Amino acid sequence: MRKLLCLATITIGVVGQACLPTPALPATGSPAGPNALSPKEASAGWLLLFDGQTTFGWQPLIGSPWTVQDGALVAPTDGPSVFRADTAFADFILKAEMWTDGNASPYIRIYSPPDRDPAEPPSLKGANLVGPPTDPAKRAAQTGRWVPIEITAQAGNARVRVAGGRAYPVSREGHNPSVIALCSDGKGTVRFRGIKLQPIGLKSIFNGKDLTGWKVIPGHASVYSVTPQGWLNVKNGNGDIQTEGTYKDFVLQLEIISNGPHLNSGVFFRAIPGEFWSGYESQIRNQWEDDDRTKPVDYGTGAIYGRQAARKVVSSDNEWFTMTIVAHGPHMSVWVNGYQVSDWTDNRPPARSGRQGYRAEAGVISLQGHDPTTDLSFRNIRIAEMP
């Protein structure tokens, strides 16, 4: 049964967690390597699913874990294996590069994510998006070299392009949202690298002109305004501004700038409408210890505040950065400039507020004014709800 599942899997490289890689963004104007994003890609909302050095954000579903070697995710050769990402996405563009020695059969496969218990695996009824060519000549042409793959998934369908060839349709009906998995039959060498994803279908929730669609909680010191450049600015604190709409499972992307040293703020989600500083919080604080960005102060930017510290502070003060928050059921993850900094599952008993326990219900998005030193701006705020 498991061998059949693996042989019906998909081709995309993925690996685990461990040591921390160098920054995801190269210097401005320098080319991006296979496991890095250019500044243009980061601002466009692309996310690295594999950082090139660790398997952070991935876990084995079947067989042995995949490993990292020379900047690639490498499948084990002791039997069939499926290595899957922790984070679910709905509509997206996925790019990756795959290498095989021709003996193994690699696949890229999607599964439906678990609903509540993270110890429960996704449904083993998945859908293949990419598999080895059946034509011997095509298979030989893809052997021993890095083969580019691009997948565009929308609603119940996907379009796949391998090695720059003609795009072909694949059904993903019943697997939206999806977690992405890499699979190998273990009969040879399979490697993946350059695995990156761009969420698509996001809609703006800030018009850049006024605060329509947002509500400021009264009785607090923060001043929320729209700048002449069309940014949502918050000064002073404490304070809280919330969306009028509520969101449960979603991908949220926004750009942020901290206009001072080590300023403190946060993006709350699944927060209780009209209640001050409720819900889960993705922290904003660009500060670290001992010139070491892997030692965040006060959890660090992109952390799930009070729950999981950022594994690295990627962003800096006085520079715009892009934050991506993905929430699906009990699982939450955050990327900063396309680099994943948190990957957390809420195993606590259910509660009314995410501050006290697991909150599954929809809630508002809110932006925090923390204290009298607060001076931050937000722009390009957009969200996509998951089915």
Protein backbone atom coordinates (compact mmCIF):
# COMPACT_ATOMS: atom_id res chain seq x y z
CA MET A 1 0.00 0.00 0.00
CA ARG A 2 2.70 2.45 0.95
CA LYS A 3 4.82 1.57 -2.05
CA LEU A 4 1.91 2.28 -4.33
CA LEU A 5 1.34 5.63 -2.69
CA CYS A 6 4.96 6.53 -3.07
CA LEU A 7 5.11 5.45 -6.66
CA ALA A 8 2.14 7.68 -7.29
CA THR A 9 3.75 10.69 -5.74
CA ILE A 10 5.15 14.00 -6.94
CA THR A 11 8.50 15.54 -7.71
CA ILE A 12 9.56 18.40 -5.52
CA GLY A 13 12.48 18.54 -3.17
CA VAL A 14 11.96 19.12 0.51
CA VAL A 15 14.06 18.75 3.60
CA GLY A 16 14.01 19.32 7.32
CA GLN A 17 15.11 21.62 10.10
CA ALA A 18 18.29 22.12 12.02
CA CYS A 19 21.07 24.65 11.60
CA LEU A 20 20.21 28.12 10.36
CA PRO A 21 21.06 29.31 6.87
CA THR A 22 22.39 32.59 5.66
CA PRO A 23 19.87 35.34 4.78
CA ALA A 24 17.38 34.45 2.06
CA LEU A 25 17.88 37.74 0.26
CA PRO A 26 21.07 38.49 -1.63
CA ALA A 27 22.46 41.99 -1.82
CA THR A 28 20.54 44.33 -4.10
CA GLY A 29 21.50 43.73 -7.70
CA SER A 30 23.20 40.37 -7.06
CA PRO A 31 21.74 37.23 -8.64
CA ALA A 32 19.65 34.91 -6.51
CA GLY A 33 21.00 31.38 -6.10
CA PRO A 34 18.76 28.34 -6.47
CA ASN A 35 17.71 28.50 -2.80
CA ALA A 36 17.46 32.27 -2.48
CA LEU A 37 15.04 34.98 -3.51
CA SER A 38 15.85 38.21 -5.26
CA PRO A 39 14.56 41.41 -3.61
CA LYS A 40 12.00 41.65 -6.43
CA GLU A 41 10.72 38.12 -5.72
CA ALA A 42 10.51 38.77 -1.97
CA SER A 43 8.49 41.97 -2.45
CA ALA A 44 6.21 40.09 -4.88
CA GLY A 45 5.37 37.62 -2.10
CA TRP A 46 7.45 34.59 -3.11
CA LEU A 47 8.29 32.20 -0.27
CA LEU A 48 11.16 29.77 0.09
CA LEU A 49 9.81 26.36 1.06
CA PHE A 50 13.37 25.04 1.32
CA ASP A 51 16.16 27.28 2.63
CA GLY A 52 19.03 25.24 1.18
CA GLN A 53 20.53 24.24 4.54
CA THR A 54 17.81 22.79 6.79
CA THR A 55 14.54 20.87 6.66
CA PHE A 56 12.69 23.51 8.67
CA GLY A 57 9.00 23.38 7.78
CA TRP A 58 9.04 19.77 6.53
CA GLN A 59 8.45 16.33 8.02
CA PRO A 60 8.43 12.71 6.83
CA LEU A 61 5.04 11.21 6.02
CA ILE A 62 6.23 7.82 4.80
CA GLY A 63 9.67 6.27 5.17
CA SER A 64 12.89 7.90 6.34
CA PRO A 65 13.38 11.68 6.49
CA TRP A 66 15.02 13.41 3.56
CA THR A 67 18.39 15.07 4.16
CA VAL A 68 20.22 18.18 2.98
CA GLN A 69 23.35 17.76 0.88
CA ASP A 70 25.10 20.49 -1.11
CA GLY A 71 22.07 22.78 -1.08
CA ALA A 72 19.57 20.11 -2.15
CA LEU A 73 16.94 17.96 -0.50
CA VAL A 74 17.96 14.36 -1.03
CA ALA A 75 15.63 11.35 -0.83
CA PRO A 76 16.69 8.29 1.18
CA THR A 77 17.58 5.13 -0.72
CA ASP A 78 16.43 2.64 1.93
CA GLY A 79 12.90 2.39 0.53
CA PRO A 80 9.94 4.50 -0.58
CA SER A 81 9.58 7.87 1.12
CA VAL A 82 7.26 10.86 1.19
CA PHE A 83 8.51 14.16 2.64
CA ARG A 84 5.84 16.80 3.07
CA ALA A 85 5.65 20.49 3.93
CA ASP A 86 3.90 21.56 7.13
CA THR A 87 2.06 24.55 5.65
CA ALA A 88 -1.07 24.30 3.51
CA PHE A 89 -1.80 26.64 0.60
CA ALA A 90 -4.83 27.16 -1.63
CA ASP A 91 -4.03 28.94 -4.93
CA PHE A 92 -0.33 29.23 -5.74
CA ILE A 93 2.53 29.07 -8.23
CA LEU A 94 5.22 26.58 -7.28
CA LYS A 95 8.69 26.38 -8.80
CA ALA A 96 11.39 23.79 -8.16
CA GLU A 97 14.31 21.98 -9.74
CA MET A 98 14.60 18.17 -9.72
CA TRP A 99 17.57 15.87 -10.33
CA THR A 100 17.54 12.09 -10.73
CA ASP A 101 20.02 9.47 -11.83
CA GLY A 102 17.36 7.76 -13.95
CA ASN A 103 16.95 4.75 -11.68
CA ALA A 104 14.52 6.34 -9.20
CA SER A 105 10.98 7.52 -9.83
CA PRO A 106 10.40 10.91 -8.17
CA TYR A 107 7.05 12.66 -7.83
CA ILE A 108 5.52 15.87 -6.56
CA ARG A 109 2.28 15.09 -4.78
CA ILE A 110 -0.37 17.02 -2.86
CA TYR A 111 -2.35 15.92 0.17
CA SER A 112 -5.21 17.41 2.15
CA PRO A 113 -3.84 18.84 5.41
CA PRO A 114 -4.83 17.45 8.81
CA ASP A 115 -7.77 19.23 10.42
CA ARG A 116 -6.94 19.36 14.11
CA ASP A 117 -4.46 16.88 15.52
CA PRO A 118 -0.99 17.55 14.06
CA ALA A 119 0.02 14.01 14.98
CA GLU A 120 -2.54 12.77 12.47
CA PRO A 121 -1.09 12.59 8.95
CA PRO A 122 -2.83 14.17 5.99
CA SER A 123 -5.18 11.94 4.10
CA LEU A 124 -3.10 9.37 2.26
CA LYS A 125 -5.37 9.87 -0.72
CA GLY A 126 -3.31 12.44 -2.56
CA ALA A 127 -2.98 13.64 -6.13
CA ASN A 128 0.11 13.53 -8.33
CA LEU A 129 1.10 16.77 -10.00
CA VAL A 130 4.42 15.64 -11.43
CA GLY A 131 5.83 12.19 -12.12
CA PRO A 132 8.56 10.58 -14.24
CA PRO A 133 8.03 10.57 -18.01
CA THR A 134 6.71 7.32 -19.45
CA ASP A 135 8.53 7.95 -22.72
CA PRO A 136 12.09 6.49 -22.49
CA ALA A 137 13.60 9.28 -24.61
CA LYS A 138 12.07 12.01 -22.44
CA ARG A 139 13.16 10.20 -19.29
CA ALA A 140 16.71 9.95 -20.58
CA ALA A 141 16.70 13.66 -21.45
CA GLN A 142 15.78 14.52 -17.85
CA THR A 143 18.41 12.26 -16.29
CA GLY A 144 21.57 13.65 -14.68
CA ARG A 145 20.63 17.30 -14.89
CA TRP A 146 18.54 19.84 -12.99
CA VAL A 147 15.07 19.94 -14.50
CA PRO A 148 12.88 23.02 -13.84
CA ILE A 149 9.27 22.46 -12.79
CA GLU A 150 6.48 25.03 -12.55
CA ILE A 151 3.00 24.35 -11.19
CA THR A 152 0.11 26.80 -11.13
CA ALA A 153 -2.72 25.61 -8.87
CA GLN A 154 -6.10 27.37 -8.78
CA ALA A 155 -9.31 26.01 -7.29
CA GLY A 156 -9.65 22.34 -8.28
CA ASN A 157 -7.14 22.37 -11.11
CA ALA A 158 -3.43 22.76 -11.75
CA ARG A 159 -1.25 23.33 -14.79
CA VAL A 160 2.21 21.78 -14.84
CA ARG A 161 5.23 22.62 -16.97
CA VAL A 162 8.36 20.43 -16.85
CA ALA A 163 11.70 21.33 -18.44
CA GLY A 164 10.15 24.29 -20.23
CA GLY A 165 7.82 22.03 -22.20
CA ARG A 166 4.16 22.43 -22.92
CA ALA A 167 1.92 22.94 -19.87
CA TYR A 168 -0.54 20.15 -19.15
CA PRO A 169 -3.58 20.09 -16.83
CA VAL A 170 -3.86 18.04 -13.64
CA SER A 171 -6.87 17.76 -11.32
CA ARG A 172 -6.45 18.66 -7.65
CA GLU A 173 -10.14 18.27 -6.87
CA GLY A 174 -10.64 17.44 -3.21
CA HIS A 175 -7.17 18.72 -2.25
CA ASN A 176 -7.66 22.45 -1.89
CA PRO A 177 -6.01 23.60 0.30
CA SER A 178 -3.02 21.32 -0.18
CA VAL A 179 0.21 20.39 1.50
CA ILE A 180 3.03 19.68 -0.93
CA ALA A 181 5.01 16.46 -0.72
CA LEU A 182 8.12 15.08 -2.42
CA CYS A 183 8.25 11.39 -3.10
CA SER A 184 10.75 8.79 -4.24
CA ASP A 185 10.62 5.02 -4.65
CA GLY A 186 14.11 4.78 -3.15
CA LYS A 187 15.63 2.96 -6.12
CA GLY A 188 18.12 5.68 -6.99
CA THR A 189 19.17 9.28 -6.36
CA VAL A 190 16.52 12.00 -6.20
CA ARG A 191 17.27 15.62 -5.33
CA PHE A 192 15.24 18.83 -5.20
CA ARG A 193 16.31 22.45 -4.83
CA GLY A 194 15.01 25.95 -5.58
CA ILE A 195 11.61 25.14 -4.07
CA LYS A 196 9.65 28.37 -3.85
CA LEU A 197 5.98 29.27 -3.84
CA GLN A 198 3.98 32.41 -4.56
CA PRO A 199 0.46 32.55 -3.10
CA ILE A 200 -1.96 33.98 -5.65
CA GLY A 201 -5.50 35.33 -5.54
CA LEU A 202 -4.85 37.72 -2.64
CA LYS A 203 -7.14 40.75 -2.33
CA SER A 204 -6.31 44.14 -0.85
CA ILE A 205 -7.88 45.01 2.53
CA PHE A 206 -6.38 48.53 2.73
CA ASN A 207 -7.17 51.07 0.00
CA GLY A 208 -4.22 53.41 0.62
CA LYS A 209 -6.54 56.43 0.84
CA ASP A 210 -8.39 56.22 4.14
CA LEU A 211 -9.26 53.77 6.91
CA THR A 212 -12.38 52.38 5.24
CA GLY A 213 -12.77 48.75 6.30
CA TRP A 214 -10.86 49.27 9.54
CA LYS A 215 -11.94 50.25 13.06
CA VAL A 216 -9.79 51.86 15.75
CA ILE A 217 -10.56 50.65 19.27
CA PRO A 218 -11.30 53.87 21.20
CA GLY A 219 -9.77 54.96 24.47
CA HIS A 220 -6.13 54.25 23.61
CA ALA A 221 -3.19 56.50 22.82
CA SER A 222 -2.15 55.29 19.36
CA VAL A 223 -2.85 57.53 16.37
CA TYR A 224 -3.66 55.71 13.13
CA SER A 225 -3.51 57.69 9.88
CA VAL A 226 -2.90 57.36 6.16
CA THR A 227 0.27 59.09 4.96
CA PRO A 228 0.53 61.13 1.72
CA GLN A 229 2.34 58.11 0.23
CA GLY A 230 -0.69 55.89 0.93
CA TRP A 231 0.70 54.00 3.92
CA LEU A 232 -1.16 53.10 7.09
CA ASN A 233 0.89 54.66 9.90
CA VAL A 234 0.64 54.13 13.65
CA LYS A 235 2.31 56.42 16.17
CA ASN A 236 2.30 56.29 19.95
CA GLY A 237 0.74 53.53 22.01
CA ASN A 238 -0.91 51.55 23.19
CA GLY A 239 -3.53 51.06 20.50
CA ASP A 240 -5.32 48.63 18.22
CA ILE A 241 -6.88 48.96 14.75
CA GLN A 242 -8.92 46.04 13.41
CA THR A 243 -10.39 44.92 10.11
CA GLU A 244 -14.16 44.98 9.83
CA GLY A 245 -14.00 41.58 8.13
CA THR A 246 -13.16 38.34 9.92
CA TYR A 247 -10.86 35.59 8.67
CA LYS A 248 -10.29 32.00 9.75
CA ASP A 249 -7.87 30.13 7.46
CA PHE A 250 -5.88 32.44 5.19
CA VAL A 251 -2.66 33.72 3.66
CA LEU A 252 -1.94 37.32 4.71
CA GLN A 253 0.83 39.39 3.12
CA LEU A 254 1.83 42.94 3.97
CA GLU A 255 4.82 45.26 3.84
CA ILE A 256 6.09 46.90 7.04
CA ILE A 257 8.69 49.49 8.02
CA SER A 258 9.87 50.27 11.55
CA ASN A 259 10.80 53.97 11.64
CA GLY A 260 13.14 53.72 14.61
CA PRO A 261 15.48 51.38 16.47
CA HIS A 262 13.99 48.15 17.81
CA LEU A 263 10.39 49.39 17.82
CA ASN A 264 7.73 46.98 19.04
CA SER A 265 4.49 46.12 17.25
CA GLY A 266 2.60 43.11 16.01
CA VAL A 267 0.01 41.72 13.61
CA PHE A 268 -2.84 40.00 15.46
CA PHE A 269 -5.04 37.42 13.73
CA ARG A 270 -8.15 35.42 14.64
CA ALA A 271 -8.58 38.22 17.17
CA ILE A 272 -11.94 38.87 18.86
CA PRO A 273 -13.76 41.80 17.23
CA GLY A 274 -13.83 44.89 19.42
CA GLU A 275 -11.52 43.42 22.07
CA PHE A 276 -8.12 44.95 22.72
CA TRP A 277 -4.99 42.93 21.80
CA SER A 278 -6.68 39.53 21.54
CA GLY A 279 -5.89 36.57 19.33
CA TYR A 280 -2.61 35.21 18.02
CA GLU A 281 0.21 37.68 17.37
CA SER A 282 2.99 37.69 14.83
CA GLN A 283 5.61 39.84 16.52
CA ILE A 284 7.40 42.84 14.98
CA ARG A 285 10.73 43.66 16.62
CA ASN A 286 13.96 43.88 14.64
CA GLN A 287 16.41 43.25 17.46
CA TRP A 288 18.87 40.48 18.31
CA GLU A 289 21.68 39.73 20.75
CA ASP A 290 25.46 39.71 20.27
CA ASP A 291 25.38 40.56 16.55
CA ASP A 292 23.69 37.18 16.05
CA ARG A 293 20.36 37.33 14.22
CA THR A 294 19.54 33.81 15.41
CA LYS A 295 19.19 35.22 18.95
CA PRO A 296 16.05 37.37 18.76
CA VAL A 297 15.11 39.82 21.49
CA ASP A 298 11.50 39.54 22.69
CA TYR A 299 10.76 36.68 20.25
CA GLY A 300 11.78 38.68 17.15
CA THR A 301 10.01 39.68 13.95
CA GLY A 302 7.86 36.88 12.56
CA ALA A 303 7.60 34.98 15.84
CA ILE A 304 4.30 33.66 17.14
CA TYR A 305 4.51 35.87 20.21
CA GLY A 306 4.55 34.01 23.51
CA ARG A 307 4.63 30.65 21.72
CA GLN A 308 7.57 30.31 19.34
CA ALA A 309 10.52 32.66 18.81
CA ALA A 310 11.65 33.51 15.30
CA ARG A 311 14.52 31.24 14.35
CA LYS A 312 16.20 34.26 12.81
CA VAL A 313 15.57 38.03 12.64
CA VAL A 314 15.65 38.64 8.89
CA SER A 315 14.35 42.24 8.73
CA SER A 316 16.06 45.47 9.80
CA ASP A 317 14.80 48.82 11.06
CA ASN A 318 14.22 51.66 8.58
CA GLU A 319 13.85 49.18 5.69
CA TRP A 320 10.60 47.90 4.18
CA PHE A 321 10.13 44.16 4.56
CA THR A 322 7.40 41.71 3.51
CA MET A 323 5.67 39.53 6.11
CA THR A 324 3.55 36.51 5.15
CA ILE A 325 1.33 34.84 7.74
CA VAL A 326 -0.38 31.52 6.94
CA ALA A 327 -3.00 30.09 9.29
CA HIS A 328 -4.83 26.83 8.64
CA GLY A 329 -6.53 25.08 11.53
CA PRO A 330 -4.05 24.76 14.40
CA HIS A 331 -1.01 25.31 12.19
CA MET A 332 0.56 28.76 11.78
CA SER A 333 3.71 29.84 9.98
CA VAL A 334 5.38 33.14 9.12
CA TRP A 335 7.86 34.19 6.44
CA VAL A 336 9.84 37.45 6.48
CA ASN A 337 11.20 38.55 3.10
CA GLY A 338 10.34 35.06 1.89
CA TYR A 339 12.37 33.27 4.57
CA GLN A 340 10.41 31.05 6.97
CA VAL A 341 11.02 32.11 10.57
CA SER A 342 8.26 30.27 12.45
CA ASP A 343 6.37 26.99 12.10
CA TRP A 344 4.04 26.31 15.01
CA THR A 345 1.03 24.10 15.76
CA ASP A 346 -1.37 24.98 18.58
CA ASN A 347 -1.83 21.80 20.59
CA ARG A 348 -3.60 23.52 23.49
CA PRO A 349 -7.22 22.82 24.42
CA PRO A 350 -9.83 24.99 22.64
CA ALA A 351 -10.43 28.45 24.08
CA ARG A 352 -12.31 31.64 23.21
CA SER A 353 -9.06 33.56 22.67
CA GLY A 354 -5.81 32.49 21.07
CA ARG A 355 -4.04 33.98 24.07
CA GLN A 356 -5.54 31.32 26.34
CA GLY A 357 -5.80 28.28 24.06
CA TYR A 358 -6.54 27.05 20.56
CA ARG A 359 -8.98 29.30 18.71
CA ALA A 360 -10.35 27.82 15.50
CA GLU A 361 -13.01 30.48 14.90
CA ALA A 362 -12.60 33.35 12.47
CA GLY A 363 -11.42 36.66 13.84
CA VAL A 364 -10.21 40.10 12.82
CA ILE A 365 -6.76 41.13 11.66
CA SER A 366 -5.36 43.95 13.81
CA LEU A 367 -2.23 46.13 13.87
CA GLN A 368 -0.71 47.00 17.20
CA GLY A 369 0.49 50.32 18.53
CA HIS A 370 2.66 49.09 21.39
CA ASP A 371 3.96 52.05 23.40
CA PRO A 372 4.86 55.79 23.21
CA THR A 373 7.85 55.07 20.93
CA THR A 374 5.73 53.33 18.27
CA ASP A 375 6.17 54.63 14.72
CA LEU A 376 5.53 52.04 12.03
CA SER A 377 3.94 52.06 8.58
CA PHE A 378 2.12 49.30 6.70
CA ARG A 379 1.25 49.04 3.01
CA ASN A 380 0.15 46.54 0.35
CA ILE A 381 -1.99 44.66 2.88
CA ARG A 382 -3.68 41.74 1.12
CA ILE A 383 -5.28 38.43 2.05
CA ALA A 384 -6.58 35.22 0.51
CA GLU A 385 -9.00 33.03 2.45
CA MET A 386 -8.67 29.27 2.17
CA PRO A 387 -11.63 27.16 1.09
